[in-house]
Amino acid sequence: MSNQIVWCDIPVANLDRAVKFYSGLLGKPVAKETMPGMTIGVLPHAGEDVGGCLCEMTDLRPGMDGPLIYLNCDGRLNIAIATVELNGGDILKPKHQIGPYGWRAVIQDSEGNRIALHSK
């Protein structure tokens, strides 16, 4: 079965600040990529894997009321949580078990978005 989610755009107010935040959070560099009319921060992924980007756009604004995106922090969830406040984010719900699906923490990123960090 194909992945139900194939891409996500995470709105940001300051691309450089968001690239620093997510690079620290994920433990891998977020690559800035320029396209016609915009620059985005591409989240680390390989080939045709599910991916996403950070984007400064007038029709997308960071916020706490949108969809909750789960980022894979498998094997490094505690490290990822430790980087949140150091890079300008907040921990909204500390690490907790979500039944047989593993563990998660819910955070607010440096741009004001609510994001879940997940690990099995």
C-alpha atoms as a PDB file:
ATOM      1  CA  MET A   1       0.000   0.000   0.000  1.00  0.00           C
ATOM      2  CA  SER A   2       1.239   3.471  -0.819  1.00  0.00           C
ATOM      3  CA  ASN A   3       1.698   6.080   1.883  1.00  0.00           C
ATOM      4  CA  GLN A   4      -1.445   8.090   2.488  1.00  0.00           C
ATOM      5  CA  ILE A   5       0.594  11.217   3.143  1.00  0.00           C
ATOM      6  CA  VAL A   6       3.090  11.967   0.383  1.00  0.00           C
ATOM      7  CA  TRP A   7       4.250  15.504   1.216  1.00  0.00           C
ATOM      8  CA  CYS A   8       3.598  18.339   3.661  1.00  0.00           C
ATOM      9  CA  ASP A   9       4.208  22.071   3.564  1.00  0.00           C
ATOM     10  CA  ILE A  10       5.018  23.475   7.005  1.00  0.00           C
ATOM     11  CA  PRO A  11       4.398  27.227   7.009  1.00  0.00           C
ATOM     12  CA  VAL A  12       7.106  29.422   8.512  1.00  0.00           C
ATOM     13  CA  ALA A  13       7.533  33.121   9.180  1.00  0.00           C
ATOM     14  CA  ASN A  14      11.346  33.049   9.037  1.00  0.00           C
ATOM     15  CA  LEU A  15      12.908  30.376   6.818  1.00  0.00           C
ATOM     16  CA  ASP A  16      16.452  30.622   8.213  1.00  0.00           C
ATOM     17  CA  ARG A  17      15.231  30.305  11.813  1.00  0.00           C
ATOM     18  CA  ALA A  18      12.989  27.357  10.864  1.00  0.00           C
ATOM     19  CA  VAL A  19      15.814  25.591   8.966  1.00  0.00           C
ATOM     20  CA  LYS A  20      17.998  25.855  12.098  1.00  0.00           C
ATOM     21  CA  PHE A  21      15.167  24.587  14.330  1.00  0.00           C
ATOM     22  CA  TYR A  22      14.288  21.562  12.175  1.00  0.00           C
ATOM     23  CA  SER A  23      17.931  20.666  11.435  1.00  0.00           C
ATOM     24  CA  GLY A  24      18.559  20.462  15.193  1.00  0.00           C
ATOM     25  CA  LEU A  25      15.299  18.653  15.849  1.00  0.00           C
ATOM     26  CA  LEU A  26      15.801  15.992  13.179  1.00  0.00           C
ATOM     27  CA  GLY A  27      19.559  15.671  13.595  1.00  0.00           C
ATOM     28  CA  LYS A  28      20.012  16.053   9.833  1.00  0.00           C
ATOM     29  CA  PRO A  29      20.395  19.156   7.692  1.00  0.00           C
ATOM     30  CA  VAL A  30      17.343  20.755   6.148  1.00  0.00           C
ATOM     31  CA  ALA A  31      18.388  21.765   2.632  1.00  0.00           C
ATOM     32  CA  LYS A  32      17.453  25.190   1.320  1.00  0.00           C
ATOM     33  CA  GLU A  33      16.306  24.944  -2.284  1.00  0.00           C
ATOM     34  CA  THR A  34      15.404  27.819  -4.581  1.00  0.00           C
ATOM     35  CA  MET A  35      12.567  27.461  -7.060  1.00  0.00           C
ATOM     36  CA  PRO A  36      11.013  30.092  -9.311  1.00  0.00           C
ATOM     37  CA  GLY A  37       9.572  32.708  -6.990  1.00  0.00           C
ATOM     38  CA  MET A  38      10.390  31.010  -3.692  1.00  0.00           C
ATOM     39  CA  THR A  39      12.982  29.365  -1.467  1.00  0.00           C
ATOM     40  CA  ILE A  40      12.007  26.369   0.666  1.00  0.00           C
ATOM     41  CA  GLY A  41      13.676  24.189   3.292  1.00  0.00           C
ATOM     42  CA  VAL A  42      13.392  20.549   2.200  1.00  0.00           C
ATOM     43  CA  LEU A  43      13.079  18.126   5.121  1.00  0.00           C
ATOM     44  CA  PRO A  44      15.479  15.174   4.958  1.00  0.00           C
ATOM     45  CA  HIS A  45      14.104  12.195   3.045  1.00  0.00           C
ATOM     46  CA  ALA A  46      15.371   9.696   0.490  1.00  0.00           C
ATOM     47  CA  GLY A  47      14.190   9.154  -3.057  1.00  0.00           C
ATOM     48  CA  GLU A  48      10.447   8.639  -3.241  1.00  0.00           C
ATOM     49  CA  ASP A  49       9.970   8.501   0.552  1.00  0.00           C
ATOM     50  CA  VAL A  50       7.353  10.767   2.091  1.00  0.00           C
ATOM     51  CA  GLY A  51       8.813  14.242   2.421  1.00  0.00           C
ATOM     52  CA  GLY A  52       7.968  17.815   3.162  1.00  0.00           C
ATOM     53  CA  CYS A  53       9.263  21.327   3.256  1.00  0.00           C
ATOM     54  CA  LEU A  54       9.339  24.528   5.243  1.00  0.00           C
ATOM     55  CA  CYS A  55       7.896  27.394   3.235  1.00  0.00           C
ATOM     56  CA  GLU A  56       7.395  31.134   3.593  1.00  0.00           C
ATOM     57  CA  MET A  57       4.203  31.894   1.675  1.00  0.00           C
ATOM     58  CA  THR A  58       1.600  34.618   1.982  1.00  0.00           C
ATOM     59  CA  ASP A  59      -1.292  32.134   1.817  1.00  0.00           C
ATOM     60  CA  LEU A  60       0.145  29.801   4.508  1.00  0.00           C
ATOM     61  CA  ARG A  61       0.692  30.976   8.068  1.00  0.00           C
ATOM     62  CA  PRO A  62       2.184  29.125  11.026  1.00  0.00           C
ATOM     63  CA  GLY A  63      -0.343  28.200  13.688  1.00  0.00           C
ATOM     64  CA  MET A  64      -1.583  25.849  16.374  1.00  0.00           C
ATOM     65  CA  ASP A  65      -4.980  25.033  14.847  1.00  0.00           C
ATOM     66  CA  GLY A  66      -3.994  23.181  11.682  1.00  0.00           C
ATOM     67  CA  PRO A  67      -3.273  19.511  11.060  1.00  0.00           C
ATOM     68  CA  LEU A  68      -0.969  17.670  13.456  1.00  0.00           C
ATOM     69  CA  ILE A  69       2.022  16.326  11.525  1.00  0.00           C
ATOM     70  CA  TYR A  70       4.025  13.467  13.061  1.00  0.00           C
ATOM     71  CA  LEU A  71       7.768  13.578  12.394  1.00  0.00           C
ATOM     72  CA  ASN A  72       9.783  10.366  12.674  1.00  0.00           C
ATOM     73  CA  CYS A  73      12.336  10.642  15.480  1.00  0.00           C
ATOM     74  CA  ASP A  74      12.716   6.884  15.916  1.00  0.00           C
ATOM     75  CA  GLY A  75      15.786   6.038  17.946  1.00  0.00           C
ATOM     76  CA  ARG A  76      16.422   9.676  18.898  1.00  0.00           C
ATOM     77  CA  LEU A  77      13.155  10.951  20.404  1.00  0.00           C
ATOM     78  CA  ASN A  78      14.779  12.050  23.686  1.00  0.00           C
ATOM     79  CA  ILE A  79      17.513  13.915  21.786  1.00  0.00           C
ATOM     80  CA  ALA A  80      14.939  15.615  19.536  1.00  0.00           C
ATOM     81  CA  ILE A  81      12.872  16.700  22.556  1.00  0.00           C
ATOM     82  CA  ALA A  82      16.021  18.104  24.187  1.00  0.00           C
ATOM     83  CA  THR A  83      16.655  20.370  21.169  1.00  0.00           C
ATOM     84  CA  VAL A  84      13.169  21.919  21.089  1.00  0.00           C
ATOM     85  CA  GLU A  85      13.585  24.678  23.687  1.00  0.00           C
ATOM     86  CA  LEU A  86      17.257  25.238  22.786  1.00  0.00           C
ATOM     87  CA  ASN A  87      16.143  26.252  19.279  1.00  0.00           C
ATOM     88  CA  GLY A  88      13.189  28.453  20.172  1.00  0.00           C
ATOM     89  CA  GLY A  89      10.331  25.948  20.469  1.00  0.00           C
ATOM     90  CA  ASP A  90       8.144  24.811  23.367  1.00  0.00           C
ATOM     91  CA  ILE A  91       7.122  21.407  24.662  1.00  0.00           C
ATOM     92  CA  LEU A  92       3.313  21.279  24.794  1.00  0.00           C
ATOM     93  CA  LYS A  93       2.911  17.616  25.843  1.00  0.00           C
ATOM     94  CA  PRO A  94       5.964  15.777  27.154  1.00  0.00           C
ATOM     95  CA  LYS A  95       6.905  12.335  25.875  1.00  0.00           C
ATOM     96  CA  HIS A  96       4.077   9.870  26.455  1.00  0.00           C
ATOM     97  CA  GLN A  97       3.044   6.465  25.190  1.00  0.00           C
ATOM     98  CA  ILE A  98       0.335   6.232  22.530  1.00  0.00           C
ATOM     99  CA  GLY A  99      -0.747   2.649  23.062  1.00  0.00           C
ATOM    100  CA  PRO A 100       0.821   0.052  20.779  1.00  0.00           C
ATOM    101  CA  TYR A 101       1.869   2.793  18.315  1.00  0.00           C
ATOM    102  CA  GLY A 102       4.889   3.954  20.280  1.00  0.00           C
ATOM    103  CA  TRP A 103       5.723   7.266  21.914  1.00  0.00           C
ATOM    104  CA  ARG A 104       5.170  10.890  21.075  1.00  0.00           C
ATOM    105  CA  ALA A 105       5.739  14.401  22.338  1.00  0.00           C
ATOM    106  CA  VAL A 106       3.766  17.388  21.049  1.00  0.00           C
ATOM    107  CA  ILE A 107       5.729  20.569  20.566  1.00  0.00           C
ATOM    108  CA  GLN A 108       5.392  24.076  19.203  1.00  0.00           C
ATOM    109  CA  ASP A 109       8.123  24.785  16.668  1.00  0.00           C
ATOM    110  CA  SER A 110      10.106  28.017  16.346  1.00  0.00           C
ATOM    111  CA  GLU A 111       7.447  29.374  13.975  1.00  0.00           C
ATOM    112  CA  GLY A 112       4.336  28.675  16.076  1.00  0.00           C
ATOM    113  CA  ASN A 113       3.229  25.358  14.497  1.00  0.00           C
ATOM    114  CA  ARG A 114       2.087  22.399  16.601  1.00  0.00           C
ATOM    115  CA  ILE A 115       4.078  19.264  15.619  1.00  0.00           C
ATOM    116  CA  ALA A 116       4.199  15.714  17.038  1.00  0.00           C
ATOM    117  CA  LEU A 117       7.538  13.936  17.420  1.00  0.00           C
ATOM    118  CA  HIS A 118       7.128  10.146  17.126  1.00  0.00           C
ATOM    119  CA  SER A 119       9.149   7.033  17.949  1.00  0.00           C
ATOM    120  CA  LYS A 120       8.270   3.334  18.205  1.00  0.00           C
END
